[in-house]
Amino acid sequence: MTAPNVTGHVYLVERKHGAKWYAKYRLPDGRQVQKMLGPAWTDKGRPPAGYLTERTAKEALAAILTDARRGALASAGKTGATFADASAEYLRYVAQVKKIDTATVRDYRGVVKRLDAEFGDAPLEAVTPDMIDAYKEGLIAHGKLSNRVIVRHLTVLHGIFKRAKRVRGIARNPASADLVERPRVDYSASSTPSTAGRSSYSSPSLTTRRTRRSTGWPLSPACGRASCWRCAGGTPTSWAASCTSARTTPTAARRSTRRAGRSAACR
C-alpha cells in the first residue's frame, strides 16, 4: 500500500518581537497546514529553552510528518496559529503576491490593525461567526463608522479567512456573507449624478449658441469691409446679407443669407 503523500518544509519569518520558525505541511487528506513552531535562535551557542535553531525546527517538522503519516496527529484539525498570524499572512499575500496598489494595502493595514486589537490573540479556529457578528453590531452601535466602512472590515475579515483556508487548512470561513449579514449600503446615492444636475448643465458650445441667438452678434472676426454693418454700422439684417462672416451667425441669420443669395455678400 502506498504511504500517504505527506510533505512539508520549515521557514523563518521576521515578526515584530523577533524571528519565528514556521512549518508548512500537507496532510494525507490534502489539506495544507501552516504552524508556528517557536521563536528562532540565530546567535551562537546553545539556544535557551523554547527557542529553535534551523536543525531543531526541521526535527520538529519531521516528528509532525511522522505522526501525520501514521494518522496519529492529535492536532490535525488545528493550525496552532492565531488570528494575528493569519492577518499578517493575508497582508503579505495581497501586497507581494497579488500586488494590489499601495493605497489599498495601506487601507487594509489600517483595518487589520483594528481587527488584530479585537481578535489578534485568539486561536484561528476559535473565531466564530457569532464573534464576528458581535464585532459588526458593536461598530454599528458605536456610530462612528459608516456602513460602507463596516462592510470593508467584513470584506477584509473574509479575505483573511479565505487565505487561511488555503494555507492553514481551516474548515470554514466564519466571515462568509452566508454566516454574517452585511449592513445595507446604497452605492448609487453618491456616485450617480442627479437628473436635475444633468439638465442644468450647459456645454460651452450650447452657451455660445444661446449668446449668439440672443444678441445677433457673431463671435468670428469682422470682415473689414465698408459694406459690412459690423464694420461700418448697420443692423443684423443687413449684416446677414452682406458679411462673409455670415457662416458663423445664428441659424436664422444663415438662412437669411442663403435666401438673399451669394451675390449680395461682401467680397
Protein backbone atom coordinates (compact mmCIF):
# COMPACT_ATOMS: atom_id res chain seq x y z
CA MET A 1 0.00 0.00 0.00
CA THR A 2 1.35 3.45 -0.95
CA ALA A 3 2.17 5.67 2.00
CA PRO A 4 0.15 8.91 2.28
CA ASN A 5 1.74 11.85 0.45
CA VAL A 6 2.69 13.97 3.47
CA THR A 7 5.34 16.60 2.86
CA GLY A 8 6.42 19.87 4.39
CA HIS A 9 9.16 22.39 5.00
CA VAL A 10 10.24 24.99 7.57
CA TYR A 11 10.87 28.69 7.03
CA LEU A 12 11.84 31.74 9.03
CA VAL A 13 9.53 34.75 9.45
CA GLU A 14 10.56 38.09 10.91
CA ARG A 15 7.99 39.33 13.41
CA LYS A 16 7.72 42.49 15.49
CA HIS A 17 9.03 40.72 18.59
CA GLY A 18 11.64 38.63 16.82
CA ALA A 19 12.04 35.91 14.21
CA LYS A 20 9.99 32.71 14.45
CA TRP A 21 10.21 29.31 12.81
CA TYR A 22 7.14 28.12 10.92
CA ALA A 23 6.30 24.75 9.40
CA LYS A 24 4.10 24.28 6.36
CA TYR A 25 2.96 20.76 5.57
CA ARG A 26 0.31 18.84 3.68
CA LEU A 27 -1.89 16.30 5.47
CA PRO A 28 -2.97 12.95 3.97
CA ASP A 29 -6.41 14.39 3.12
CA GLY A 30 -4.78 17.12 1.02
CA ARG A 31 -5.21 19.98 3.46
CA GLN A 32 -2.29 22.37 3.91
CA VAL A 33 -1.36 23.47 7.40
CA GLN A 34 0.89 26.32 8.44
CA LYS A 35 2.02 26.23 12.06
CA MET A 36 4.37 28.27 14.20
CA LEU A 37 7.00 26.02 15.77
CA GLY A 38 8.60 28.55 18.08
CA PRO A 39 10.93 31.55 18.36
CA ALA A 40 14.14 31.37 16.35
CA TRP A 41 17.62 31.29 17.86
CA THR A 42 20.10 32.89 15.47
CA ASP A 43 23.01 33.61 17.82
CA LYS A 44 25.91 31.32 18.56
CA GLY A 45 25.88 28.86 21.44
CA ARG A 46 23.17 26.70 22.95
CA PRO A 47 19.66 28.18 22.48
CA PRO A 48 17.54 28.95 25.56
CA ALA A 49 14.64 26.66 26.38
CA GLY A 50 11.80 27.02 23.89
CA TYR A 51 13.97 28.50 21.12
CA LEU A 52 14.71 26.66 17.89
CA THR A 53 17.61 26.57 15.51
CA GLU A 54 17.12 25.54 11.88
CA ARG A 55 18.16 21.99 12.75
CA THR A 56 15.74 21.64 15.68
CA ALA A 57 12.96 23.24 13.64
CA LYS A 58 13.46 20.59 10.93
CA GLU A 59 13.44 17.87 13.61
CA ALA A 60 10.13 19.20 14.94
CA LEU A 61 8.68 19.14 11.43
CA ALA A 62 9.90 15.57 10.88
CA ALA A 63 8.08 14.47 14.04
CA ILE A 64 4.87 16.15 12.85
CA LEU A 65 5.10 14.49 9.43
CA THR A 66 5.70 11.08 11.00
CA ASP A 67 2.59 11.40 13.18
CA ALA A 68 0.59 12.62 10.17
CA ARG A 69 1.59 9.56 8.10
CA ARG A 70 0.58 7.28 10.94
CA GLY A 71 -2.72 9.10 11.39
CA ALA A 72 -1.75 9.89 14.96
CA LEU A 73 -1.51 13.66 14.63
CA ALA A 74 -3.61 14.85 17.55
CA SER A 75 -3.83 18.40 16.29
CA ALA A 76 -4.63 17.58 12.67
CA GLY A 77 -7.75 19.73 12.88
CA LYS A 78 -5.88 22.67 14.45
CA THR A 79 -3.38 25.03 12.91
CA GLY A 80 -1.71 26.34 16.05
CA ALA A 81 -1.96 29.84 14.57
CA THR A 82 -3.59 32.93 15.98
CA PHE A 83 -5.75 35.42 14.13
CA ALA A 84 -2.79 37.82 14.10
CA ASP A 85 -0.72 35.21 12.25
CA ALA A 86 -3.46 34.83 9.64
CA SER A 87 -3.89 38.59 9.18
CA ALA A 88 -0.14 39.07 8.73
CA GLU A 89 -0.12 36.36 6.05
CA TYR A 90 -3.06 38.00 4.31
CA LEU A 91 -1.32 41.39 4.17
CA ARG A 92 1.81 39.73 2.80
CA TYR A 93 -0.24 37.90 0.19
CA VAL A 94 -2.14 40.93 -1.13
CA ALA A 95 0.98 43.12 -1.17
CA GLN A 96 3.62 40.71 -2.51
CA VAL A 97 1.68 38.08 -4.46
CA LYS A 98 -1.44 39.82 -5.74
CA LYS A 99 0.46 43.14 -5.89
CA ILE A 100 -2.56 45.36 -5.38
CA ASP A 101 -1.99 49.11 -5.31
CA THR A 102 -0.23 50.66 -2.32
CA ALA A 103 -3.19 52.84 -1.34
CA THR A 104 -5.41 49.75 -0.96
CA VAL A 105 -2.72 47.91 1.00
CA ARG A 106 -2.42 50.91 3.32
CA ASP A 107 -6.19 50.91 3.80
CA TYR A 108 -6.14 47.16 4.55
CA ARG A 109 -3.36 47.64 7.12
CA GLY A 110 -5.49 50.19 8.94
CA VAL A 111 -8.43 47.77 9.02
CA VAL A 112 -6.21 44.84 10.12
CA LYS A 113 -4.80 46.92 12.97
CA ARG A 114 -8.30 47.29 14.36
CA LEU A 115 -9.16 43.64 13.72
CA ASP A 116 -6.00 42.48 15.50
CA ALA A 117 -6.99 44.54 18.53
CA GLU A 118 -10.27 42.59 18.61
CA PHE A 119 -9.25 39.06 17.57
CA GLY A 120 -5.42 39.07 17.42
CA ASP A 121 -4.62 36.68 20.28
CA ALA A 122 -7.49 34.27 19.61
CA PRO A 123 -6.65 30.89 18.06
CA LEU A 124 -7.67 30.97 14.43
CA GLU A 125 -10.22 28.17 14.81
CA ALA A 126 -11.78 29.89 17.84
CA VAL A 127 -13.09 32.88 15.86
CA THR A 128 -16.77 32.15 15.17
CA PRO A 129 -19.48 33.83 13.09
CA ASP A 130 -21.14 34.94 16.33
CA MET A 131 -17.96 36.76 17.38
CA ILE A 132 -17.71 38.49 14.01
CA ASP A 133 -21.39 39.40 14.08
CA ALA A 134 -20.96 40.87 17.57
CA TYR A 135 -17.99 42.88 16.29
CA LYS A 136 -20.13 44.21 13.43
CA GLU A 137 -23.01 45.11 15.75
CA GLY A 138 -20.59 46.93 18.04
CA LEU A 139 -19.32 49.08 15.17
CA ILE A 140 -22.87 49.91 14.15
CA ALA A 141 -23.88 50.79 17.72
CA HIS A 142 -20.79 52.95 18.17
CA GLY A 143 -21.99 55.11 15.29
CA LYS A 144 -18.63 56.49 14.15
CA LEU A 145 -18.18 54.34 11.05
CA SER A 146 -20.43 54.33 8.02
CA ASN A 147 -21.98 51.12 6.72
CA ARG A 148 -19.61 51.28 3.77
CA VAL A 149 -16.56 51.18 6.08
CA ILE A 150 -18.08 48.41 8.21
CA VAL A 151 -18.60 46.32 5.06
CA ARG A 152 -14.93 46.91 4.25
CA HIS A 153 -13.98 45.48 7.65
CA LEU A 154 -16.07 42.39 6.93
CA THR A 155 -14.56 42.11 3.46
CA VAL A 156 -11.03 42.11 4.90
CA LEU A 157 -12.09 39.54 7.51
CA HIS A 158 -13.45 37.35 4.72
CA GLY A 159 -10.16 37.68 2.84
CA ILE A 160 -8.11 36.75 5.90
CA PHE A 161 -10.05 33.55 6.49
CA LYS A 162 -10.18 32.71 2.79
CA ARG A 163 -6.38 32.85 2.70
CA ALA A 164 -6.22 30.86 5.94
CA LYS A 165 -8.34 28.10 4.37
CA ARG A 166 -5.78 27.84 1.61
CA VAL A 167 -2.54 27.87 3.62
CA ARG A 168 -3.62 26.65 7.07
CA GLY A 169 -6.37 24.19 6.27
CA ILE A 170 -9.19 25.64 8.37
CA ALA A 171 -12.53 24.01 7.65
CA ARG A 172 -14.71 27.08 7.01
CA ASN A 173 -14.77 30.84 6.61
CA PRO A 174 -16.61 32.35 9.62
CA ALA A 175 -16.78 35.74 7.91
CA SER A 176 -18.73 34.42 4.93
CA ALA A 177 -21.71 36.52 3.85
CA ASP A 178 -23.87 33.42 4.35
CA LEU A 179 -22.99 33.45 8.06
CA VAL A 180 -22.56 37.17 8.80
CA GLU A 181 -25.07 39.52 7.20
CA ARG A 182 -23.65 42.73 5.75
CA PRO A 183 -25.23 46.09 6.60
CA ARG A 184 -27.02 47.75 3.72
CA VAL A 185 -25.01 50.22 1.64
CA ASP A 186 -26.53 52.48 -1.03
CA TYR A 187 -23.72 52.68 -3.57
CA SER A 188 -25.78 54.64 -6.10
CA ALA A 189 -26.53 57.64 -3.89
CA SER A 190 -23.08 59.23 -4.04
CA SER A 191 -21.86 58.02 -7.41
CA THR A 192 -24.77 58.82 -9.79
CA PRO A 193 -25.46 62.50 -10.62
CA SER A 194 -28.99 63.69 -10.14
CA THR A 195 -31.31 64.32 -13.06
CA ALA A 196 -31.61 67.95 -12.05
CA GLY A 197 -27.84 68.31 -12.13
CA ARG A 198 -27.64 66.88 -15.61
CA SER A 199 -30.46 69.03 -17.01
CA SER A 200 -28.97 72.24 -15.63
CA TYR A 201 -25.61 71.66 -17.28
CA SER A 202 -24.86 73.56 -20.50
CA SER A 203 -21.91 72.75 -22.70
CA PRO A 204 -19.74 75.67 -23.88
CA SER A 205 -20.98 75.23 -27.43
CA LEU A 206 -24.60 75.42 -26.32
CA THR A 207 -23.89 78.53 -24.26
CA THR A 208 -22.20 80.11 -27.25
CA ARG A 209 -25.15 79.37 -29.48
CA ARG A 210 -27.54 80.87 -26.95
CA THR A 211 -25.40 84.02 -26.72
CA ARG A 212 -25.35 84.42 -30.48
CA ARG A 213 -29.07 83.83 -30.76
CA SER A 214 -29.91 86.44 -28.10
CA THR A 215 -27.53 89.18 -29.31
CA GLY A 216 -27.30 88.57 -33.05
CA TRP A 217 -23.58 89.33 -32.80
CA PRO A 218 -21.08 86.96 -34.42
CA LEU A 219 -18.09 85.64 -32.47
CA SER A 220 -15.88 85.50 -35.59
CA PRO A 221 -13.59 88.39 -36.64
CA ALA A 222 -15.13 91.22 -38.67
CA CYS A 223 -14.54 91.17 -42.40
CA GLY A 224 -13.30 94.78 -42.53
CA ARG A 225 -15.45 95.85 -45.50
CA ALA A 226 -17.17 99.23 -45.54
CA SER A 227 -20.31 97.49 -46.70
CA CYS A 228 -20.37 95.28 -43.62
CA TRP A 229 -22.76 96.52 -40.96
CA ARG A 230 -20.48 95.26 -38.18
CA CYS A 231 -17.54 97.21 -39.61
CA ALA A 232 -19.33 100.34 -40.79
CA GLY A 233 -22.53 100.26 -38.79
CA GLY A 234 -25.90 98.81 -39.62
CA THR A 235 -28.35 96.21 -38.46
CA PRO A 236 -28.11 92.43 -38.05
CA THR A 237 -30.39 92.06 -41.07
CA SER A 238 -28.08 94.00 -43.39
CA TRP A 239 -25.08 92.18 -41.89
CA ALA A 240 -26.64 88.80 -42.53
CA ALA A 241 -27.00 89.68 -46.20
CA SER A 242 -23.64 91.37 -46.69
CA CYS A 243 -20.91 89.88 -44.49
CA THR A 244 -18.78 86.85 -45.37
CA SER A 245 -18.83 86.05 -41.66
CA ALA A 246 -22.47 85.06 -42.07
CA ARG A 247 -21.49 81.40 -41.92
CA THR A 248 -20.81 81.85 -38.18
CA THR A 249 -24.08 83.65 -37.38
CA PRO A 250 -27.13 82.10 -35.73
CA THR A 251 -29.20 79.70 -37.78
CA ALA A 252 -31.83 82.29 -38.68
CA ALA A 253 -29.21 84.68 -40.00
CA ARG A 254 -27.54 81.97 -42.09
CA ARG A 255 -30.91 81.12 -43.62
CA SER A 256 -31.41 84.82 -44.44
CA THR A 257 -28.01 84.82 -46.14
CA ARG A 258 -28.88 81.85 -48.27
CA ARG A 259 -32.22 83.44 -49.25
CA ALA A 260 -30.56 86.73 -50.12
CA GLY A 261 -28.09 84.92 -52.35
CA ARG A 262 -24.37 84.97 -52.50
CA SER A 263 -24.34 87.88 -54.94
CA ALA A 264 -25.23 90.24 -52.11
CA ALA A 265 -22.41 89.02 -49.83
CA CYS A 266 -19.41 91.28 -49.42
CA ARG A 267 -16.33 90.09 -51.35
